[in-house]
PDB file of N, CA and C in Angstrom:
ATOM      1  N   MET A   1       1.217 -36.145 -35.495  1.00  0.00           N
ATOM      2  CA  MET A   1       2.224 -35.438 -36.252  1.00  0.00           C
ATOM      3  C   MET A   1       2.501 -34.093 -35.580  1.00  0.00           C
ATOM      4  N   ALA A   2       3.760 -33.685 -35.573  1.00  0.00           N
ATOM      5  CA  ALA A   2       4.138 -32.452 -34.897  1.00  0.00           C
ATOM      6  C   ALA A   2       3.670 -31.227 -35.677  1.00  0.00           C
ATOM      7  N   HIS A   3       3.271 -30.204 -34.927  1.00  0.00           N
ATOM      8  CA  HIS A   3       2.866 -28.938 -35.531  1.00  0.00           C
ATOM      9  C   HIS A   3       3.785 -27.851 -35.000  1.00  0.00           C
ATOM     10  N   PRO A   4       4.418 -27.094 -35.888  1.00  0.00           N
ATOM     11  CA  PRO A   4       5.338 -26.060 -35.413  1.00  0.00           C
ATOM     12  C   PRO A   4       4.595 -24.933 -34.699  1.00  0.00           C
ATOM     13  N   LYS A   5       5.164 -24.489 -33.590  1.00  0.00           N
ATOM     14  CA  LYS A   5       4.561 -23.402 -32.824  1.00  0.00           C
ATOM     15  C   LYS A   5       4.912 -22.054 -33.462  1.00  0.00           C
ATOM     16  N   HIS A   6       6.107 -22.001 -34.079  1.00  0.00           N
ATOM     17  CA  HIS A   6       6.556 -20.765 -34.718  1.00  0.00           C
ATOM     18  C   HIS A   6       7.022 -21.071 -36.134  1.00  0.00           C
ATOM     19  N   ARG A   7       6.947 -20.070 -36.984  1.00  0.00           N
ATOM     20  CA  ARG A   7       7.359 -20.226 -38.379  1.00  0.00           C
ATOM     21  C   ARG A   7       8.875 -20.362 -38.481  1.00  0.00           C
ATOM     22  N   HIS A   8       9.334 -21.259 -39.344  1.00  0.00           N
ATOM     23  CA  HIS A   8      10.760 -21.360 -39.635  1.00  0.00           C
ATOM     24  C   HIS A   8      11.065 -20.475 -40.830  1.00  0.00           C
ATOM     25  N   SER A   9      12.189 -19.788 -40.790  1.00  0.00           N
ATOM     26  CA  SER A   9      12.557 -18.890 -41.878  1.00  0.00           C
ATOM     27  C   SER A   9      12.939 -19.679 -43.130  1.00  0.00           C
ATOM     28  N   LYS A  10      12.914 -19.019 -44.270  1.00  0.00           N
ATOM     29  CA  LYS A  10      13.331 -19.645 -45.532  1.00  0.00           C
ATOM     30  C   LYS A  10      14.792 -20.058 -45.452  1.00  0.00           C
ATOM     31  N   GLU A  11      15.595 -19.224 -44.800  1.00  0.00           N
ATOM     32  CA  GLU A  11      17.021 -19.517 -44.684  1.00  0.00           C
ATOM     33  C   GLU A  11      17.249 -20.817 -43.914  1.00  0.00           C
ATOM     34  N   ARG A  12      16.504 -21.023 -42.863  1.00  0.00           N
ATOM     35  CA  ARG A  12      16.680 -22.221 -42.038  1.00  0.00           C
ATOM     36  C   ARG A  12      16.350 -23.492 -42.831  1.00  0.00           C
ATOM     37  N   GLY A  13      15.274 -23.441 -43.600  1.00  0.00           N
ATOM     38  CA  GLY A  13      14.908 -24.589 -44.420  1.00  0.00           C
ATOM     39  C   GLY A  13      15.908 -24.849 -45.526  1.00  0.00           C
ATOM     40  N   ARG A  14      16.414 -23.799 -46.122  1.00  0.00           N
ATOM     41  CA  ARG A  14      17.376 -23.951 -47.214  1.00  0.00           C
ATOM     42  C   ARG A  14      18.725 -24.461 -46.717  1.00  0.00           C
ATOM     43  N   LYS A  15      19.106 -24.054 -45.502  1.00  0.00           N
ATOM     44  CA  LYS A  15      20.353 -24.573 -44.917  1.00  0.00           C
ATOM     45  C   LYS A  15      20.259 -26.088 -44.738  1.00  0.00           C
ATOM     46  N   ARG A  16      19.101 -26.564 -44.329  1.00  0.00           N
ATOM     47  CA  ARG A  16      18.918 -27.993 -44.096  1.00  0.00           C
ATOM     48  C   ARG A  16      19.015 -28.781 -45.402  1.00  0.00           C
ATOM     49  N   ARG A  17      18.581 -28.198 -46.498  1.00  0.00           N
ATOM     50  CA  ARG A  17      18.555 -28.902 -47.780  1.00  0.00           C
ATOM     51  C   ARG A  17      19.864 -28.817 -48.562  1.00  0.00           C
ATOM     52  N   THR A  18      20.853 -28.049 -48.100  1.00  0.00           N
ATOM     53  CA  THR A  18      22.086 -27.870 -48.873  1.00  0.00           C
ATOM     54  C   THR A  18      22.919 -29.136 -48.953  1.00  0.00           C
ATOM     55  N   HIS A  19      22.755 -30.070 -48.015  1.00  0.00           N
ATOM     56  CA  HIS A  19      23.609 -31.248 -47.975  1.00  0.00           C
ATOM     57  C   HIS A  19      23.135 -32.352 -48.907  1.00  0.00           C
ATOM     58  N   TYR A  20      21.955 -32.219 -49.482  1.00  0.00           N
ATOM     59  CA  TYR A  20      21.424 -33.238 -50.382  1.00  0.00           C
ATOM     60  C   TYR A  20      22.084 -33.105 -51.744  1.00  0.00           C
ATOM     61  N   LYS A  21      22.539 -34.229 -52.274  1.00  0.00           N
ATOM     62  CA  LYS A  21      23.125 -34.211 -53.603  1.00  0.00           C
ATOM     63  C   LYS A  21      22.586 -35.410 -54.379  1.00  0.00           C
ATOM     64  N   ALA A  22      21.942 -35.156 -55.507  1.00  0.00           N
ATOM     65  CA  ALA A  22      21.408 -36.233 -56.335  1.00  0.00           C
ATOM     66  C   ALA A  22      22.574 -37.007 -56.951  1.00  0.00           C
ATOM     67  N   VAL A  23      22.499 -38.338 -56.885  1.00  0.00           N
ATOM     68  CA  VAL A  23      23.567 -39.181 -57.407  1.00  0.00           C
ATOM     69  C   VAL A  23      22.978 -40.119 -58.451  1.00  0.00           C
ATOM     70  N   ALA A  24      23.646 -40.216 -59.587  1.00  0.00           N
ATOM     71  CA  ALA A  24      23.202 -41.133 -60.637  1.00  0.00           C
ATOM     72  C   ALA A  24      23.422 -42.568 -60.175  1.00  0.00           C
ATOM     73  N   PRO A  25      22.525 -43.496 -60.545  1.00  0.00           N
ATOM     74  CA  PRO A  25      22.698 -44.886 -60.125  1.00  0.00           C
ATOM     75  C   PRO A  25      23.950 -45.499 -60.750  1.00  0.00           C
ATOM     76  N   THR A  26      24.588 -46.381 -60.011  1.00  0.00           N
ATOM     77  CA  THR A  26      25.789 -47.057 -60.496  1.00  0.00           C
ATOM     78  C   THR A  26      25.386 -48.127 -61.506  1.00  0.00           C
ATOM     79  N   LEU A  27      26.047 -48.133 -62.646  1.00  0.00           N
ATOM     80  CA  LEU A  27      25.718 -49.085 -63.702  1.00  0.00           C
ATOM     81  C   LEU A  27      26.803 -50.140 -63.834  1.00  0.00           C
ATOM     82  N   ALA A  28      26.377 -51.343 -64.165  1.00  0.00           N
ATOM     83  CA  ALA A  28      27.284 -52.449 -64.453  1.00  0.00           C
ATOM     84  C   ALA A  28      26.986 -52.923 -65.866  1.00  0.00           C
ATOM     85  N   THR A  29      27.783 -53.818 -66.387  1.00  0.00           N
ATOM     86  CA  THR A  29      27.509 -54.378 -67.708  1.00  0.00           C
ATOM     87  C   THR A  29      26.910 -55.764 -67.544  1.00  0.00           C
ATOM     88  N   CYS A  30      25.951 -56.077 -68.359  1.00  0.00           N
ATOM     89  CA  CYS A  30      25.290 -57.379 -68.332  1.00  0.00           C
ATOM     90  C   CYS A  30      26.297 -58.448 -68.767  1.00  0.00           C
ATOM     91  N   SER A  31      26.362 -59.534 -68.005  1.00  0.00           N
ATOM     92  CA  SER A  31      27.313 -60.595 -68.345  1.00  0.00           C
ATOM     93  C   SER A  31      26.871 -61.385 -69.576  1.00  0.00           C
ATOM     94  N   ASN A  32      25.590 -61.278 -69.938  1.00  0.00           N
ATOM     95  CA  ASN A  32      25.068 -62.027 -71.081  1.00  0.00           C
ATOM     96  C   ASN A  32      25.170 -61.234 -72.387  1.00  0.00           C
ATOM     97  N   CYS A  33      24.705 -59.977 -72.370  1.00  0.00           N
ATOM     98  CA  CYS A  33      24.666 -59.207 -73.628  1.00  0.00           C
ATOM     99  C   CYS A  33      25.554 -57.970 -73.617  1.00  0.00           C
ATOM    100  N   GLY A  34      26.052 -57.560 -72.451  1.00  0.00           N
ATOM    101  CA  GLY A  34      26.951 -56.410 -72.381  1.00  0.00           C
ATOM    102  C   GLY A  34      26.258 -55.067 -72.281  1.00  0.00           C
ATOM    103  N   ALA A  35      24.940 -55.046 -72.137  1.00  0.00           N
ATOM    104  CA  ALA A  35      24.197 -53.790 -72.020  1.00  0.00           C
ATOM    105  C   ALA A  35      24.385 -53.202 -70.616  1.00  0.00           C
ATOM    106  N   PRO A  36      24.319 -51.864 -70.476  1.00  0.00           N
ATOM    107  CA  PRO A  36      24.424 -51.278 -69.133  1.00  0.00           C
ATOM    108  C   PRO A  36      23.179 -51.594 -68.306  1.00  0.00           C
ATOM    109  N   VAL A  37      23.405 -52.035 -67.059  1.00  0.00           N
ATOM    110  CA  VAL A  37      22.327 -52.468 -66.173  1.00  0.00           C
ATOM    111  C   VAL A  37      22.583 -51.899 -64.784  1.00  0.00           C
ATOM    112  N   GLU A  38      21.521 -51.486 -64.066  1.00  0.00           N
ATOM    113  CA  GLU A  38      21.662 -51.081 -62.675  1.00  0.00           C
ATOM    114  C   GLU A  38      21.985 -52.311 -61.839  1.00  0.00           C
ATOM    115  N   TYR A  39      22.763 -52.105 -60.777  1.00  0.00           N
ATOM    116  CA  TYR A  39      23.083 -53.204 -59.873  1.00  0.00           C
ATOM    117  C   TYR A  39      21.806 -53.789 -59.286  1.00  0.00           C
ATOM    118  N   HIS A  40      21.764 -55.111 -59.111  1.00  0.00           N
ATOM    119  CA  HIS A  40      20.651 -55.844 -58.505  1.00  0.00           C
ATOM    120  C   HIS A  40      19.349 -55.701 -59.299  1.00  0.00           C
ATOM    121  N   HIS A  41      19.443 -55.525 -60.612  1.00  0.00           N
ATOM    122  CA  HIS A  41      18.268 -55.428 -61.473  1.00  0.00           C
ATOM    123  C   HIS A  41      18.409 -56.393 -62.649  1.00  0.00           C
ATOM    124  N   VAL A  42      17.287 -56.845 -63.164  1.00  0.00           N
ATOM    125  CA  VAL A  42      17.274 -57.706 -64.345  1.00  0.00           C
ATOM    126  C   VAL A  42      17.630 -56.852 -65.555  1.00  0.00           C
ATOM    127  N   CYS A  43      18.390 -57.424 -66.477  1.00  0.00           N
ATOM    128  CA  CYS A  43      18.780 -56.707 -67.690  1.00  0.00           C
ATOM    129  C   CYS A  43      17.536 -56.421 -68.531  1.00  0.00           C
ATOM    130  N   PRO A  44      17.286 -55.168 -68.897  1.00  0.00           N
ATOM    131  CA  PRO A  44      16.110 -54.852 -69.701  1.00  0.00           C
ATOM    132  C   PRO A  44      16.214 -55.327 -71.147  1.00  0.00           C
ATOM    133  N   GLU A  45      17.441 -55.598 -71.616  1.00  0.00           N
ATOM    134  CA  GLU A  45      17.635 -56.017 -73.000  1.00  0.00           C
ATOM    135  C   GLU A  45      17.391 -57.516 -73.199  1.00  0.00           C
ATOM    136  N   CYS A  46      18.016 -58.344 -72.342  1.00  0.00           N
ATOM    137  CA  CYS A  46      17.935 -59.790 -72.560  1.00  0.00           C
ATOM    138  C   CYS A  46      17.143 -60.527 -71.486  1.00  0.00           C
ATOM    139  N   GLY A  47      16.891 -59.897 -70.329  1.00  0.00           N
ATOM    140  CA  GLY A  47      16.102 -60.533 -69.279  1.00  0.00           C
ATOM    141  C   GLY A  47      16.898 -61.433 -68.353  1.00  0.00           C
ATOM    142  N   TYR A  48      18.224 -61.344 -68.379  1.00  0.00           N
ATOM    143  CA  TYR A  48      19.051 -62.188 -67.522  1.00  0.00           C
ATOM    144  C   TYR A  48      19.413 -61.450 -66.232  1.00  0.00           C
ATOM    145  N   TYR A  49      19.572 -62.218 -65.145  1.00  0.00           N
ATOM    146  CA  TYR A  49      20.034 -61.681 -63.876  1.00  0.00           C
ATOM    147  C   TYR A  49      21.006 -62.681 -63.263  1.00  0.00           C
ATOM    148  N   ARG A  50      22.223 -62.252 -63.017  1.00  0.00           N
ATOM    149  CA  ARG A  50      23.289 -63.085 -62.445  1.00  0.00           C
ATOM    150  C   ARG A  50      23.506 -64.371 -63.234  1.00  0.00           C
ATOM    151  N   GLY A  51      23.478 -64.263 -64.560  1.00  0.00           N
ATOM    152  CA  GLY A  51      23.784 -65.397 -65.426  1.00  0.00           C
ATOM    153  C   GLY A  51      22.637 -66.348 -65.670  1.00  0.00           C
ATOM    154  N   LYS A  52      21.464 -66.065 -65.108  1.00  0.00           N
ATOM    155  CA  LYS A  52      20.312 -66.949 -65.302  1.00  0.00           C
ATOM    156  C   LYS A  52      19.164 -66.157 -65.917  1.00  0.00           C
ATOM    157  N   LEU A  53      18.363 -66.847 -66.724  1.00  0.00           N
ATOM    158  CA  LEU A  53      17.206 -66.210 -67.348  1.00  0.00           C
ATOM    159  C   LEU A  53      16.154 -65.924 -66.292  1.00  0.00           C
ATOM    160  N   ALA A  54      15.791 -64.652 -66.128  1.00  0.00           N
ATOM    161  CA  ALA A  54      14.826 -64.258 -65.098  1.00  0.00           C
ATOM    162  C   ALA A  54      13.483 -63.901 -65.730  1.00  0.00           C
ATOM    163  N   ILE A  55      13.528 -63.245 -66.889  1.00  0.00           N
ATOM    164  CA  ILE A  55      12.308 -62.816 -67.576  1.00  0.00           C
ATOM    165  C   ILE A  55      12.392 -63.296 -69.020  1.00  0.00           C
ATOM    166  N   GLU A  56      11.353 -63.963 -69.470  1.00  0.00           N
ATOM    167  CA  GLU A  56      11.293 -64.439 -70.858  1.00  0.00           C
ATOM    168  C   GLU A  56      10.965 -63.235 -71.750  1.00  0.00           C
ATOM    169  N   LYS A  57      11.891 -62.871 -72.617  1.00  0.00           N
ATOM    170  CA  LYS A  57      11.676 -61.739 -73.523  1.00  0.00           C
ATOM    171  C   LYS A  57      11.104 -62.240 -74.841  1.00  0.00           C
ATOM    172  N   THR A  58      10.071 -61.544 -75.342  1.00  0.00           N
ATOM    173  CA  THR A  58       9.474 -61.922 -76.623  1.00  0.00           C
ATOM    174  C   THR A  58      10.048 -61.021 -77.704  1.00  0.00           C
ATOM    175  N   VAL A  59      10.241 -61.576 -78.902  1.00  0.00           N
ATOM    176  CA  VAL A  59      10.791 -60.838 -80.026  1.00  0.00           C
ATOM    177  C   VAL A  59       9.623 -60.270 -80.817  1.00  0.00           C
ATOM    178  N   ALA A  60       9.615 -58.937 -81.007  1.00  0.00           N
ATOM    179  CA  ALA A  60       8.549 -58.296 -81.794  1.00  0.00           C
ATOM    180  C   ALA A  60       8.776 -58.562 -83.275  1.00  0.00           C
ATOM    181  N   ALA A  61       7.729 -58.945 -83.974  1.00  0.00           N
ATOM    182  CA  ALA A  61       7.852 -59.280 -85.390  1.00  0.00           C
ATOM    183  C   ALA A  61       7.786 -58.060 -86.272  1.00  0.00           C
TER     184      ALA A  61
END
């Protein structure tokens, strides 16, 4: 791993970090129940993914 020979200033480090922007994940609607779901993820409400049952959800009594 590289070791810096000289200290980098606070300004130099902060300039490098200015281009980062946090982005919220893109949401889609579940084709089965209509709940908001992240792309390429199983629906947390019904357990379906791309129209097929992926996770068997149990109903709490």
